[in-house]
Amino acid sequence: MSPNSSMSDGLRRLLGADAPIPRPPASVTLADDWVNTWTNKLTGDAIKLYLQLSNYYEQRKEFDQAALEEAHGAEANALFEQEIPNLKEAGLVEIIEHDGRSFMHLPHRLPKGLHKAEAVLPSIKEGLEFQRHMNEEILRISSLDDNEEVRNEYFGRYPELREEFTVYEETKDDDSPHWRLWLELSRLLIREFEERFGALRASHNELFKESASQILSHKLDIIDAVTGEVVDNKEKIFTEVGKNWVVTTTDEAFMKNATVLALAERYDIGPAQIFVNTLEKLTQVGFAIAETNPKGYLLDLFLPTTTGLTKSEERILFLRPEERARGVDSDRNRERARRAANKYANYLMERGCELLHLFVNRDRVKALDELLVSIAMRVNESLDLIPNDYEEEAVTVEHVLEKYNDVRERAHRAEERQSRA
């Protein structure tokens, strides 16, 4: 039997044998269980309105009574005012006001258009309310200390968190990531939102644009926190770690590390993404990164993204051309910017040459000239990001070699002083 075939029998039972029977438009498909259930619960007028709204929904999700009247005649508005309260109460239709616009939702409609007796999609109102609650909770927890009193408060409201914390305490080892309340609550709420209301985002993207943006923001916060955890445990993950440098491992070895695997599994983040974010984070906090071959020889190096400048020097150096055009700039500021750029270039060269000299001292460099060229290239790449509107002198290999000799001489004098002490 086709989904619409029992429609006539059901409506005749409801309206009487001689009553006119509202037929569903060709674009609306009612399953037998819908007909058998709702023809016994709704009036004929309510069913007629539901069919009109269902037909309208196939064309557009944003709701406009004038468009409904245009499609179904002048009596459509009167029918709407009379019967929409009954359809809303039955849970068959939701009309949601959002940013001055109205949107319609049919919870009993499957994605391909078949209408079932039971709801197959969650309520949009509940989804928007959960979204509001989730954002408020994550914002609040991020401002609180992670202590026993706060944990007990949230354990009382979210028993799943207490269960997870208990399991963590019983099974943790040296490779286990730290248990952070705000991270766990964020993960719990985001997972629940996506499991319960994720299907709504496909059919009502306009309503959940803000939600998608907020969830992305929360996920990025989680990724940042996980990256910070890896950086805090860098000695367990990277083969060599110095005061302000690390020797990076291969991506394959990184992704097999027990700490990385535990974090990736717990927070549903790809190990490869953690690897890339970790290298970026290390440079952001001032680490230079050395890439070596399997025998430990230096192949390449990457400079930190810190500047070695004061805040006022950074402000002048990264003054945008449009700010200069508004009169913020001056000859004095331009000269200060040039000096800051020179200081920045020297800082980057020094950091690169310090790391290079360390490997030379350990007899782990086979192509010194190539690495000097690499440092010059990395420094110029960083200088190219400065938003100036005038030509900067490029850093050459000769500049880097001069800086390398300075670093080597200082290191030699420091060794002599230490030997005499």
Protein backbone atom coordinates (compact mmCIF):
# COMPACT_ATOMS: atom_id res chain seq x y z
CA MET A 1 0.00 0.00 0.00
CA SER A 2 1.37 3.42 -0.90
CA PRO A 3 1.88 5.94 1.95
CA ASN A 4 -1.09 8.03 0.82
CA SER A 5 -3.45 5.20 -0.10
CA SER A 6 -5.27 5.02 3.27
CA MET A 7 -5.73 8.80 3.45
CA SER A 8 -9.23 8.69 1.98
CA ASP A 9 -10.49 5.96 4.31
CA GLY A 10 -9.11 7.73 7.36
CA LEU A 11 -10.65 11.07 6.47
CA ARG A 12 -14.01 9.49 5.64
CA ARG A 13 -14.07 7.96 9.10
CA LEU A 14 -13.32 11.37 10.55
CA LEU A 15 -15.52 13.60 8.39
CA GLY A 16 -18.32 11.31 7.28
CA ALA A 17 -18.86 9.40 4.07
CA ASP A 18 -20.05 12.40 2.05
CA ALA A 19 -17.53 14.97 3.29
CA PRO A 20 -15.02 16.47 0.82
CA ILE A 21 -11.64 14.86 1.30
CA PRO A 22 -8.51 17.05 1.41
CA ARG A 23 -5.92 15.31 -0.69
CA PRO A 24 -2.21 15.75 -0.02
CA PRO A 25 -0.32 17.64 -2.71
CA ALA A 26 1.96 15.54 -4.88
CA SER A 27 4.99 16.87 -2.96
CA VAL A 28 3.63 15.61 0.41
CA THR A 29 3.87 11.92 1.32
CA LEU A 30 2.03 10.64 4.39
CA ALA A 31 2.93 7.23 5.79
CA ASP A 32 0.10 4.86 6.74
CA ASP A 33 0.92 5.20 10.42
CA TRP A 34 0.60 9.00 10.16
CA VAL A 35 -2.83 8.68 8.56
CA ASN A 36 -4.06 6.04 11.00
CA THR A 37 -2.84 8.03 14.01
CA TRP A 38 -3.61 11.63 13.18
CA THR A 39 -6.94 11.27 11.38
CA ASN A 40 -8.25 10.02 14.71
CA LYS A 41 -6.81 12.98 16.64
CA LEU A 42 -7.19 16.03 14.37
CA THR A 43 -10.07 17.83 12.76
CA GLY A 44 -10.39 17.92 9.00
CA ASP A 45 -9.42 21.59 9.00
CA ALA A 46 -6.29 20.84 11.03
CA ILE A 47 -5.30 18.12 8.56
CA LYS A 48 -5.95 20.47 5.66
CA LEU A 49 -3.68 23.11 7.22
CA TYR A 50 -0.99 20.49 7.89
CA LEU A 51 -1.07 19.49 4.23
CA GLN A 52 -0.83 23.12 3.12
CA LEU A 53 2.08 23.77 5.48
CA SER A 54 3.82 20.56 4.40
CA ASN A 55 3.51 21.56 0.76
CA TYR A 56 4.83 25.05 1.61
CA TYR A 57 7.74 23.50 3.55
CA GLU A 58 8.92 21.62 0.46
CA GLN A 59 9.48 25.00 -1.22
CA ARG A 60 10.98 27.06 1.62
CA LYS A 61 11.78 26.77 5.34
CA GLU A 62 11.36 30.46 6.12
CA PHE A 63 7.69 31.04 6.89
CA ASP A 64 5.54 33.88 5.55
CA GLN A 65 1.75 33.88 5.94
CA ALA A 66 1.36 36.06 2.84
CA ALA A 67 3.17 33.44 0.77
CA LEU A 68 0.94 30.74 2.27
CA GLU A 69 -2.15 32.72 1.24
CA GLU A 70 -0.75 33.23 -2.24
CA ALA A 71 -0.23 29.48 -2.60
CA HIS A 72 -3.52 28.28 -1.08
CA GLY A 73 -6.01 31.13 -1.40
CA ALA A 74 -7.51 33.80 0.85
CA GLU A 75 -9.01 31.28 3.29
CA ALA A 76 -5.54 29.94 4.12
CA ASN A 77 -4.83 32.69 6.68
CA ALA A 78 -8.12 32.16 8.49
CA LEU A 79 -7.48 28.43 8.55
CA PHE A 80 -3.96 29.10 9.85
CA GLU A 81 -5.16 31.30 12.72
CA GLN A 82 -7.81 28.75 13.65
CA GLU A 83 -5.81 25.53 13.52
CA ILE A 84 -2.12 26.35 14.06
CA PRO A 85 -2.52 26.24 17.88
CA ASN A 86 -3.83 22.66 17.56
CA LEU A 87 -0.95 21.57 15.30
CA LYS A 88 1.58 23.16 17.64
CA GLU A 89 0.03 21.51 20.68
CA ALA A 90 0.13 18.14 18.89
CA GLY A 91 3.85 18.68 18.18
CA LEU A 92 3.35 18.42 14.43
CA VAL A 93 4.47 21.98 13.61
CA GLU A 94 6.86 24.51 15.14
CA ILE A 95 7.02 28.15 14.08
CA ILE A 96 10.22 29.74 15.40
CA GLU A 97 10.93 33.47 15.50
CA HIS A 98 14.61 34.20 15.00
CA ASP A 99 16.30 37.52 14.22
CA GLY A 100 13.04 39.05 13.04
CA ARG A 101 12.24 36.13 10.72
CA SER A 102 9.93 33.13 11.07
CA PHE A 103 10.97 29.55 10.36
CA MET A 104 8.82 26.44 10.15
CA HIS A 105 9.82 23.00 11.42
CA LEU A 106 7.96 19.70 10.90
CA PRO A 107 9.32 17.20 13.45
CA HIS A 108 7.39 14.27 11.92
CA ARG A 109 8.93 14.69 8.45
CA LEU A 110 11.82 12.44 7.46
CA PRO A 111 14.65 14.13 5.51
CA LYS A 112 13.41 12.64 2.22
CA GLY A 113 9.88 13.94 2.77
CA LEU A 114 7.89 11.07 4.29
CA HIS A 115 5.69 12.12 7.25
CA LYS A 116 5.53 9.59 10.12
CA ALA A 117 3.16 9.21 13.07
CA GLU A 118 5.94 9.71 15.64
CA ALA A 119 8.40 12.59 15.64
CA VAL A 120 11.58 11.71 13.75
CA LEU A 121 13.39 14.99 14.43
CA PRO A 122 13.95 16.80 17.71
CA SER A 123 12.32 20.10 18.59
CA ILE A 124 14.10 23.18 17.29
CA LYS A 125 12.98 25.11 20.36
CA GLU A 126 14.65 22.51 22.55
CA GLY A 127 17.75 22.64 20.35
CA LEU A 128 18.04 26.42 20.60
CA GLU A 129 17.45 26.27 24.36
CA PHE A 130 20.13 23.60 24.76
CA GLN A 131 22.50 25.70 22.67
CA ARG A 132 21.90 28.70 24.95
CA HIS A 133 22.39 26.53 28.05
CA MET A 134 25.57 24.96 26.64
CA ASN A 135 27.18 28.31 25.86
CA GLU A 136 26.30 29.72 29.28
CA GLU A 137 27.71 26.66 31.05
CA ILE A 138 30.97 26.64 29.09
CA LEU A 139 31.42 30.38 29.59
CA ARG A 140 30.79 30.07 33.33
CA ILE A 141 33.04 27.04 33.91
CA SER A 142 35.93 28.67 32.05
CA SER A 143 35.97 31.49 34.63
CA LEU A 144 36.01 29.20 37.71
CA ASP A 145 38.88 27.54 39.53
CA ASP A 146 39.12 23.79 39.08
CA ASN A 147 38.89 22.84 42.75
CA GLU A 148 37.02 20.19 44.76
CA GLU A 149 34.09 22.48 45.63
CA VAL A 150 33.50 23.46 41.98
CA ARG A 151 33.90 19.86 40.83
CA ASN A 152 31.34 18.60 43.35
CA GLU A 153 28.87 21.26 42.19
CA TYR A 154 29.14 20.09 38.57
CA PHE A 155 29.28 16.42 39.52
CA GLY A 156 25.90 16.91 41.19
CA ARG A 157 24.44 18.45 38.02
CA TYR A 158 26.20 16.11 35.58
CA PRO A 159 26.61 12.62 37.13
CA GLU A 160 28.39 11.45 33.96
CA LEU A 161 31.30 13.73 34.87
CA ARG A 162 31.65 12.14 38.31
CA GLU A 163 31.68 8.67 36.71
CA GLU A 164 34.33 9.71 34.19
CA PHE A 165 36.47 11.34 36.89
CA THR A 166 36.25 8.20 39.04
CA VAL A 167 37.36 6.02 36.13
CA TYR A 168 40.17 8.46 35.36
CA GLU A 169 41.44 8.39 38.95
CA GLU A 170 41.38 4.59 39.02
CA THR A 171 43.15 4.08 35.70
CA LYS A 172 45.51 7.06 35.25
CA ASP A 173 49.21 6.54 34.73
CA ASP A 174 52.24 8.68 33.85
CA ASP A 175 51.06 9.06 30.24
CA SER A 176 47.50 10.07 31.12
CA PRO A 177 46.53 13.67 30.30
CA HIS A 178 45.42 15.92 33.13
CA TRP A 179 41.70 15.83 33.94
CA ARG A 180 40.30 19.35 33.50
CA LEU A 181 36.72 20.09 34.48
CA TRP A 182 36.05 22.74 31.83
CA LEU A 183 37.43 20.52 29.09
CA GLU A 184 35.36 17.54 30.18
CA LEU A 185 32.17 19.59 30.54
CA SER A 186 32.71 21.18 27.11
CA ARG A 187 33.26 17.78 25.56
CA LEU A 188 30.16 16.37 27.26
CA LEU A 189 27.84 19.21 26.23
CA ILE A 190 29.10 19.44 22.65
CA ARG A 191 28.73 15.68 22.22
CA GLU A 192 25.19 15.74 23.63
CA PHE A 193 24.20 18.67 21.41
CA GLU A 194 25.51 16.99 18.27
CA GLU A 195 23.92 13.64 19.13
CA ARG A 196 20.51 15.12 19.95
CA PHE A 197 20.26 18.07 17.60
CA GLY A 198 22.90 17.56 14.91
CA ALA A 199 20.27 16.49 12.34
CA LEU A 200 18.59 19.90 12.63
CA ARG A 201 21.65 21.73 11.30
CA ALA A 202 21.24 20.11 7.88
CA SER A 203 17.59 21.10 7.48
CA HIS A 204 17.68 24.44 9.33
CA ASN A 205 21.13 25.84 8.67
CA GLU A 206 19.91 29.45 9.01
CA LEU A 207 18.78 28.86 12.58
CA PHE A 208 21.93 27.05 13.63
CA LYS A 209 24.60 29.20 11.96
CA GLU A 210 25.37 30.80 15.31
CA SER A 211 25.40 27.40 16.95
CA ALA A 212 27.87 26.03 14.38
CA SER A 213 30.12 29.03 14.93
CA GLN A 214 29.96 28.70 18.73
CA ILE A 215 30.61 24.96 18.66
CA LEU A 216 33.57 25.53 16.35
CA SER A 217 34.88 28.13 18.81
CA HIS A 218 34.47 25.69 21.73
CA LYS A 219 36.21 22.94 19.73
CA LEU A 220 39.10 25.26 18.90
CA ASP A 221 39.41 26.05 22.62
CA ILE A 222 39.57 22.31 23.31
CA ILE A 223 42.19 21.80 20.59
CA ASP A 224 44.22 24.69 22.02
CA ALA A 225 44.04 23.18 25.52
CA VAL A 226 45.07 19.75 24.20
CA THR A 227 47.97 21.35 22.32
CA GLY A 228 49.01 23.10 25.52
CA GLU A 229 48.96 19.73 27.31
CA VAL A 230 51.33 18.29 24.70
CA VAL A 231 53.66 21.29 24.98
CA ASP A 232 53.69 20.89 28.78
CA ASN A 233 54.69 17.24 28.29
CA LYS A 234 57.18 17.87 25.48
CA GLU A 235 59.99 16.02 27.30
CA LYS A 236 57.90 12.83 27.12
CA ILE A 237 57.12 13.27 23.44
CA PHE A 238 60.11 14.82 21.63
CA THR A 239 63.49 13.11 21.41
CA GLU A 240 65.51 16.15 22.50
CA VAL A 241 64.37 19.28 24.33
CA GLY A 242 66.49 22.28 25.27
CA LYS A 243 65.78 25.54 27.07
CA ASN A 244 64.26 27.17 23.97
CA TRP A 245 64.49 24.52 21.26
CA VAL A 246 63.22 21.04 20.46
CA VAL A 247 64.19 18.35 17.98
CA THR A 248 60.97 17.33 16.32
CA THR A 249 60.10 13.68 15.99
CA THR A 250 58.59 12.18 12.86
CA ASP A 251 54.85 12.59 12.52
CA GLU A 252 54.50 8.80 12.67
CA ALA A 253 56.39 8.54 15.97
CA PHE A 254 54.46 11.50 17.38
CA MET A 255 51.11 9.91 16.54
CA LYS A 256 52.13 6.66 18.28
CA ASN A 257 53.11 8.41 21.52
CA ALA A 258 50.97 7.21 24.45
CA THR A 259 50.20 10.73 25.73
CA VAL A 260 49.21 11.93 22.25
CA LEU A 261 47.03 8.86 21.64
CA ALA A 262 45.26 9.30 24.99
CA LEU A 263 44.49 12.95 24.23
CA ALA A 264 43.41 12.22 20.65
CA GLU A 265 41.05 9.47 21.73
CA ARG A 266 39.59 11.34 24.67
CA TYR A 267 38.86 14.59 22.85
CA ASP A 268 38.22 13.16 19.37
CA ILE A 269 41.04 15.10 17.69
CA GLY A 270 43.19 13.60 14.95
CA PRO A 271 46.81 12.97 16.07
CA ALA A 272 48.03 14.59 12.85
CA GLN A 273 46.15 17.78 13.74
CA ILE A 274 47.65 17.71 17.24
CA PHE A 275 51.13 17.33 15.69
CA VAL A 276 50.76 20.37 13.41
CA ASN A 277 49.20 22.48 16.18
CA THR A 278 51.93 21.49 18.63
CA LEU A 279 54.74 22.60 16.32
CA GLU A 280 52.92 25.88 15.75
CA LYS A 281 52.34 26.34 19.49
CA LEU A 282 55.99 25.69 20.29
CA THR A 283 57.11 28.45 17.91
CA GLN A 284 54.46 30.77 19.39
CA VAL A 285 55.92 30.37 22.87
CA GLY A 286 59.49 31.01 21.67
CA PHE A 287 60.89 27.61 20.71
CA ALA A 288 63.05 27.03 17.66
CA ILE A 289 62.47 23.62 16.06
CA ALA A 290 65.17 21.40 14.60
CA GLU A 291 64.41 18.75 12.01
CA THR A 292 66.93 15.91 11.86
CA ASN A 293 67.48 12.81 9.76
CA PRO A 294 67.34 9.30 11.28
CA LYS A 295 71.04 9.55 12.22
CA GLY A 296 70.48 12.81 14.12
CA TYR A 297 72.07 15.21 11.64
CA LEU A 298 70.40 18.62 11.28
CA LEU A 299 68.38 18.90 8.08
CA ASP A 300 66.45 22.13 8.62
CA LEU A 301 65.27 24.46 11.35
CA PHE A 302 62.23 26.60 12.01
CA LEU A 303 62.31 29.88 13.88
CA PRO A 304 60.02 31.03 16.69
CA THR A 305 57.19 33.44 15.93
CA THR A 306 58.06 35.57 18.95
CA THR A 307 59.74 38.87 18.05
CA GLY A 308 62.16 39.75 20.84
CA LEU A 309 60.62 43.27 20.83
CA THR A 310 58.96 45.35 23.50
CA LYS A 311 55.20 45.90 23.23
CA SER A 312 55.70 49.48 22.03
CA GLU A 313 58.20 48.32 19.38
CA GLU A 314 55.74 45.67 18.17
CA ARG A 315 52.98 48.28 18.03
CA ILE A 316 55.09 50.55 15.82
CA LEU A 317 56.45 47.72 13.64
CA PHE A 318 53.04 46.21 12.90
CA LEU A 319 51.26 49.52 12.34
CA ARG A 320 49.06 48.93 9.30
CA PRO A 321 49.35 51.17 6.21
CA GLU A 322 45.72 52.32 6.64
CA GLU A 323 46.56 53.46 10.17
CA ARG A 324 49.47 55.42 8.80
CA ALA A 325 47.15 56.96 6.20
CA ARG A 326 44.87 58.17 9.02
CA GLY A 327 47.73 60.20 10.45
CA VAL A 328 48.95 57.73 13.05
CA ASP A 329 52.26 57.48 11.22
CA SER A 330 55.07 60.04 11.19
CA ASP A 331 58.70 60.27 10.08
CA ARG A 332 59.71 59.51 13.66
CA ASN A 333 57.49 56.44 13.79
CA ARG A 334 58.81 55.24 10.44
CA GLU A 335 62.36 55.43 11.77
CA ARG A 336 61.31 53.59 14.93
CA ALA A 337 59.65 50.93 12.75
CA ARG A 338 62.85 50.47 10.74
CA ARG A 339 64.90 50.06 13.92
CA ALA A 340 62.34 47.60 15.29
CA ALA A 341 62.44 45.59 12.04
CA ASN A 342 66.24 45.47 12.26
CA LYS A 343 66.05 44.32 15.88
CA TYR A 344 63.46 41.70 14.93
CA ALA A 345 65.64 40.36 12.11
CA ASN A 346 68.67 40.16 14.40
CA TYR A 347 66.62 38.34 17.05
CA LEU A 348 65.49 35.72 14.52
CA MET A 349 68.98 35.30 13.07
CA GLU A 350 70.41 34.89 16.56
CA ARG A 351 67.88 32.23 17.52
CA GLY A 352 68.56 30.30 14.34
CA CYS A 353 72.33 30.61 14.64
CA GLU A 354 72.31 29.54 18.31
CA LEU A 355 70.53 26.33 17.39
CA LEU A 356 72.79 25.78 14.38
CA HIS A 357 75.92 26.29 16.51
CA LEU A 358 74.65 23.81 19.07
CA PHE A 359 74.45 21.12 16.37
CA VAL A 360 77.81 22.10 14.90
CA ASN A 361 79.36 21.71 18.36
CA ARG A 362 77.86 18.21 18.57
CA ASP A 363 79.25 17.34 15.11
CA ARG A 364 75.73 16.86 13.74
CA VAL A 365 75.86 19.23 10.74
CA LYS A 366 76.92 18.13 7.26
CA ALA A 367 75.69 21.04 5.12
CA LEU A 368 76.45 24.28 6.96
CA ASP A 369 76.04 26.50 3.89
CA GLU A 370 72.58 25.13 3.14
CA LEU A 371 71.45 25.74 6.71
CA LEU A 372 72.73 29.33 6.64
CA VAL A 373 70.64 29.84 3.49
CA SER A 374 67.65 28.28 5.25
CA ILE A 375 67.97 30.69 8.18
CA ALA A 376 68.11 33.68 5.82
CA MET A 377 65.03 32.41 4.00
CA ARG A 378 63.09 31.88 7.27
CA VAL A 379 63.98 35.36 8.54
CA ASN A 380 62.88 37.00 5.28
CA GLU A 381 59.61 35.05 5.34
CA SER A 382 58.90 36.52 8.79
CA LEU A 383 59.88 40.04 7.73
CA ASP A 384 57.57 39.79 4.71
CA LEU A 385 54.62 39.57 7.13
CA ILE A 386 55.26 43.10 8.41
CA PRO A 387 52.48 45.34 6.97
CA ASN A 388 54.74 48.18 5.82
CA ASP A 389 54.48 50.22 2.65
CA TYR A 390 58.19 50.76 2.14
CA GLU A 391 61.05 48.53 1.02
CA GLU A 392 62.95 46.63 3.71
CA GLU A 393 66.49 45.42 3.15
CA ALA A 394 66.42 41.65 2.71
CA VAL A 395 68.51 39.49 5.03
CA THR A 396 71.31 37.80 3.08
CA VAL A 397 73.41 34.72 3.76
CA GLU A 398 76.31 37.09 4.54
CA HIS A 399 74.24 38.69 7.32
CA VAL A 400 73.46 35.25 8.77
CA LEU A 401 77.10 34.15 8.54
CA GLU A 402 78.20 37.29 10.39
CA LYS A 403 75.62 36.58 13.11
CA TYR A 404 76.73 32.94 13.28
CA ASN A 405 80.34 34.00 13.82
CA ASP A 406 79.21 36.36 16.61
CA VAL A 407 77.29 33.50 18.28
CA ARG A 408 80.29 31.19 17.95
CA GLU A 409 82.69 33.76 19.42
CA ARG A 410 80.40 34.45 22.39
CA ALA A 411 80.05 30.73 23.04
CA HIS A 412 83.82 30.30 22.89
CA ARG A 413 84.41 33.13 25.38
CA ALA A 414 81.74 31.69 27.70
CA GLU A 415 83.48 28.31 27.61
CA GLU A 416 86.83 29.93 28.43
CA ARG A 417 85.35 31.80 31.42
CA GLN A 418 83.74 28.59 32.66
CA SER A 419 87.00 26.65 32.35
CA ARG A 420 88.86 29.31 34.37
CA ALA A 421 86.19 29.43 37.10
